[in-house]
């Protein structure tokens, strides 16, 4: 059964908080990476940005990122983790994979899910082709995931709608709900568990 996520559950929009049921809550913003070895409920909203989820059930280690740009423009000058790495999909996947590897988790134990990368409408003044960043984010993620020796277990990318994502790290469960053009949701629809898709 897909659990309900009510407005009370999600009222706090701080980066980190504790819900009424004492579960740790994280609202992941664009450009952020989150790692945890314990249970937490992670929420984020995606447009053209892309979330990559990694999970080791044996070691109870979870990671999630929300990148907005596909690749670093200064790849030749890269000296490891940088302050803006979370903004870059390629760098974020590489950092997450490296952290799993450093604590001895082999690639075949890492469950990977990729969500987001919508083709969001852009103002005409931005120019043709600018809206393709969602597709580029997904492509960059899949290429880096393959280079890291990982396999994608589930994926929901593309389209023209934003997405709301819930990641329960304790259960290893990812739920996704589409948001037409990122318009604020109706109260009744938001709590309707049939609207959520489990990946």
Protein backbone atom coordinates (compact mmCIF):
# COMPACT_ATOMS: atom_id res chain seq x y z
CA UNK A 1 0.00 0.00 0.00
CA UNK A 2 1.31 3.46 -0.92
CA UNK A 3 1.47 5.62 2.22
CA UNK A 4 -0.39 8.90 2.40
CA UNK A 5 1.58 12.13 2.55
CA UNK A 6 -0.72 14.77 3.95
CA UNK A 7 -0.30 18.52 4.09
CA UNK A 8 0.47 18.16 7.81
CA UNK A 9 3.34 15.82 6.96
CA UNK A 10 4.77 18.29 4.45
CA UNK A 11 4.04 21.60 6.12
CA UNK A 12 7.66 22.35 7.05
CA UNK A 13 9.63 23.50 4.03
CA UNK A 14 12.94 23.85 5.84
CA UNK A 15 15.88 21.96 4.38
CA UNK A 16 15.80 19.71 7.46
CA UNK A 17 13.16 19.16 10.09
CA UNK A 18 11.30 16.63 12.20
CA UNK A 19 7.70 15.72 11.39
CA UNK A 20 4.97 15.23 13.97
CA UNK A 21 5.59 11.45 13.84
CA UNK A 22 9.30 12.05 14.68
CA UNK A 23 10.50 11.06 11.21
CA UNK A 24 13.35 13.17 9.86
CA UNK A 25 12.19 15.32 6.93
CA UNK A 26 14.30 16.91 4.20
CA UNK A 27 13.14 19.27 1.47
CA UNK A 28 15.79 18.89 -1.25
CA UNK A 29 16.37 22.07 -3.22
CA UNK A 30 17.97 22.52 -6.62
CA UNK A 31 21.72 21.94 -6.50
CA UNK A 32 21.65 19.90 -3.29
CA UNK A 33 23.01 16.44 -2.49
CA UNK A 34 21.72 14.46 0.49
CA UNK A 35 23.30 11.37 2.05
CA UNK A 36 21.95 9.41 5.00
CA UNK A 37 22.55 6.10 6.74
CA UNK A 38 19.24 6.40 8.60
CA UNK A 39 15.55 6.78 7.82
CA UNK A 40 14.31 10.08 6.42
CA UNK A 41 11.53 11.34 4.19
CA UNK A 42 12.96 13.40 1.33
CA UNK A 43 10.70 15.58 -0.78
CA UNK A 44 11.57 17.58 -3.87
CA UNK A 45 9.89 19.21 -6.85
CA UNK A 46 11.37 18.75 -10.32
CA UNK A 47 10.96 20.56 -13.62
CA UNK A 48 13.81 20.29 -16.10
CA UNK A 49 16.08 19.44 -13.15
CA UNK A 50 16.89 15.79 -12.55
CA UNK A 51 16.91 13.69 -9.40
CA UNK A 52 19.11 10.62 -9.14
CA UNK A 53 18.45 8.28 -6.21
CA UNK A 54 20.97 5.70 -5.01
CA UNK A 55 20.27 3.12 -2.31
CA UNK A 56 22.11 0.21 -0.71
CA UNK A 57 19.57 -1.83 1.25
CA UNK A 58 22.26 -4.00 2.88
CA UNK A 59 24.18 -1.01 4.26
CA UNK A 60 21.09 1.22 4.67
CA UNK A 61 22.85 4.05 2.84
CA UNK A 62 20.83 6.41 0.66
CA UNK A 63 21.70 9.37 -1.53
CA UNK A 64 19.73 11.76 -3.72
CA UNK A 65 20.67 14.79 -5.80
CA UNK A 66 18.80 17.42 -7.79
CA UNK A 67 20.97 18.71 -10.64
CA UNK A 68 19.90 21.49 -12.97
CA UNK A 69 22.73 21.46 -15.57
CA UNK A 70 23.96 18.37 -17.42
CA UNK A 71 27.75 18.76 -17.40
CA UNK A 72 30.48 20.91 -15.87
CA UNK A 73 31.92 23.46 -18.28
CA UNK A 74 35.32 23.23 -16.56
CA UNK A 75 35.76 19.46 -16.62
CA UNK A 76 39.48 19.74 -17.51
CA UNK A 77 40.10 21.85 -14.40
CA UNK A 78 38.11 19.58 -12.07
CA UNK A 79 39.96 18.87 -8.84
CA UNK A 80 37.28 16.76 -7.16
CA UNK A 81 34.24 17.94 -5.20
CA UNK A 82 33.49 21.62 -5.66
CA UNK A 83 30.95 23.97 -4.14
CA UNK A 84 28.71 23.84 -7.23
CA UNK A 85 28.95 20.09 -7.88
CA UNK A 86 25.37 19.49 -6.76
CA UNK A 87 24.09 21.74 -9.54
CA UNK A 88 25.71 19.53 -12.19
CA UNK A 89 24.04 16.17 -12.93
CA UNK A 90 27.23 14.49 -14.16
CA UNK A 91 29.29 15.60 -11.14
CA UNK A 92 26.54 14.71 -8.67
CA UNK A 93 26.27 11.13 -9.94
CA UNK A 94 30.05 10.78 -9.83
CA UNK A 95 30.23 12.07 -6.23
CA UNK A 96 27.42 9.83 -5.00
CA UNK A 97 28.90 6.75 -6.67
CA UNK A 98 32.34 7.55 -5.22
CA UNK A 99 30.98 7.79 -1.68
CA UNK A 100 29.29 4.42 -1.96
CA UNK A 101 32.47 2.92 -3.38
CA UNK A 102 34.66 4.39 -0.61
CA UNK A 103 32.72 2.58 2.07
CA UNK A 104 32.92 -0.71 0.22
CA UNK A 105 29.55 -0.96 -1.50
CA UNK A 106 29.96 -2.67 -4.91
CA UNK A 107 28.05 -1.30 -7.93
CA UNK A 108 25.77 -4.36 -8.17
CA UNK A 109 24.38 -3.59 -4.69
CA UNK A 110 23.37 -0.03 -5.54
CA UNK A 111 19.79 0.55 -6.67
CA UNK A 112 19.58 3.60 -8.97
CA UNK A 113 16.46 5.53 -9.96
CA UNK A 114 16.31 8.56 -12.28
CA UNK A 115 13.43 11.04 -12.21
CA UNK A 116 12.69 14.41 -13.84
CA UNK A 117 14.23 16.12 -16.85
CA UNK A 118 10.96 17.52 -18.20
CA UNK A 119 10.91 19.75 -21.27
CA UNK A 120 9.53 22.83 -19.56
CA UNK A 121 8.21 25.70 -21.73
CA UNK A 122 10.59 28.65 -21.95
CA UNK A 123 9.89 32.28 -22.93
CA UNK A 124 10.43 32.93 -26.65
CA UNK A 125 13.19 35.41 -25.79
CA UNK A 126 15.44 32.60 -24.52
CA UNK A 127 15.76 31.11 -27.99
CA UNK A 128 15.22 27.81 -29.71
CA UNK A 129 16.83 24.75 -28.14
CA UNK A 130 17.07 26.20 -24.64
CA UNK A 131 14.19 24.01 -23.45
CA UNK A 132 16.17 20.83 -24.20
CA UNK A 133 18.09 21.04 -20.92
CA UNK A 134 15.75 18.43 -19.39
CA UNK A 135 16.69 15.89 -22.05
CA UNK A 136 20.37 16.80 -21.71
CA UNK A 137 20.20 16.28 -17.94
CA UNK A 138 18.75 12.79 -18.40
CA UNK A 139 21.34 11.89 -21.04
CA UNK A 140 24.22 13.11 -18.87
CA UNK A 141 22.95 11.10 -15.90
CA UNK A 142 22.54 7.88 -17.86
CA UNK A 143 25.98 8.21 -19.43
CA UNK A 144 27.66 8.80 -16.06
CA UNK A 145 25.70 6.00 -14.39
CA UNK A 146 26.94 3.59 -17.06
CA UNK A 147 30.53 4.86 -16.70
CA UNK A 148 30.33 4.23 -12.95
CA UNK A 149 29.32 0.61 -13.60
CA UNK A 150 25.82 1.11 -12.18
CA UNK A 151 22.46 -0.06 -13.53
CA UNK A 152 19.24 1.95 -13.54
CA UNK A 153 16.49 0.04 -11.74
CA UNK A 154 13.66 2.49 -12.52
CA UNK A 155 13.29 5.68 -14.51
CA UNK A 156 10.66 8.33 -15.22
CA UNK A 157 12.06 11.17 -17.31
CA UNK A 158 11.00 13.61 -20.00
CA UNK A 159 7.51 14.81 -20.79
CA UNK A 160 6.25 18.36 -20.34
CA UNK A 161 5.10 18.17 -16.72
CA UNK A 162 6.96 18.76 -13.49
CA UNK A 163 7.06 16.10 -10.80
CA UNK A 164 6.81 15.87 -7.04
CA UNK A 165 9.08 13.18 -5.62
CA UNK A 166 8.96 11.47 -2.23
CA UNK A 167 11.85 9.25 -1.15
CA UNK A 168 11.41 7.22 2.03
CA UNK A 169 15.00 6.15 2.73
CA UNK A 170 13.96 3.80 5.52
CA UNK A 171 11.72 1.77 3.23
CA UNK A 172 13.77 2.39 0.09
CA UNK A 173 10.59 3.60 -1.60
CA UNK A 174 10.34 6.33 -4.25
CA UNK A 175 6.95 7.84 -5.10
CA UNK A 176 6.38 10.25 -7.99
CA UNK A 177 3.43 12.40 -8.91
CA UNK A 178 3.19 14.53 -12.04
CA UNK A 179 2.50 18.25 -11.71
CA UNK A 180 1.05 19.94 -14.81
CA UNK A 181 3.37 22.87 -15.48
CA UNK A 182 4.26 22.95 -11.76
CA UNK A 183 0.91 24.58 -10.93
CA UNK A 184 0.08 24.45 -7.20
CA UNK A 185 -1.98 21.37 -6.46
CA UNK A 186 -5.56 21.17 -5.31
CA UNK A 187 -5.89 20.02 -1.68
CA UNK A 188 -8.05 17.01 -2.54
CA UNK A 189 -5.78 15.81 -5.31
CA UNK A 190 -2.61 16.12 -3.26
CA UNK A 191 -3.80 13.63 -0.63
CA UNK A 192 -5.20 11.18 -3.19
CA UNK A 193 -2.89 8.18 -3.00
CA UNK A 194 -3.99 6.94 -6.44
CA UNK A 195 -2.15 9.94 -7.92
CA UNK A 196 1.23 8.64 -6.72
CA UNK A 197 3.30 6.18 -8.75
CA UNK A 198 5.81 3.89 -7.05
CA UNK A 199 9.13 3.49 -8.90
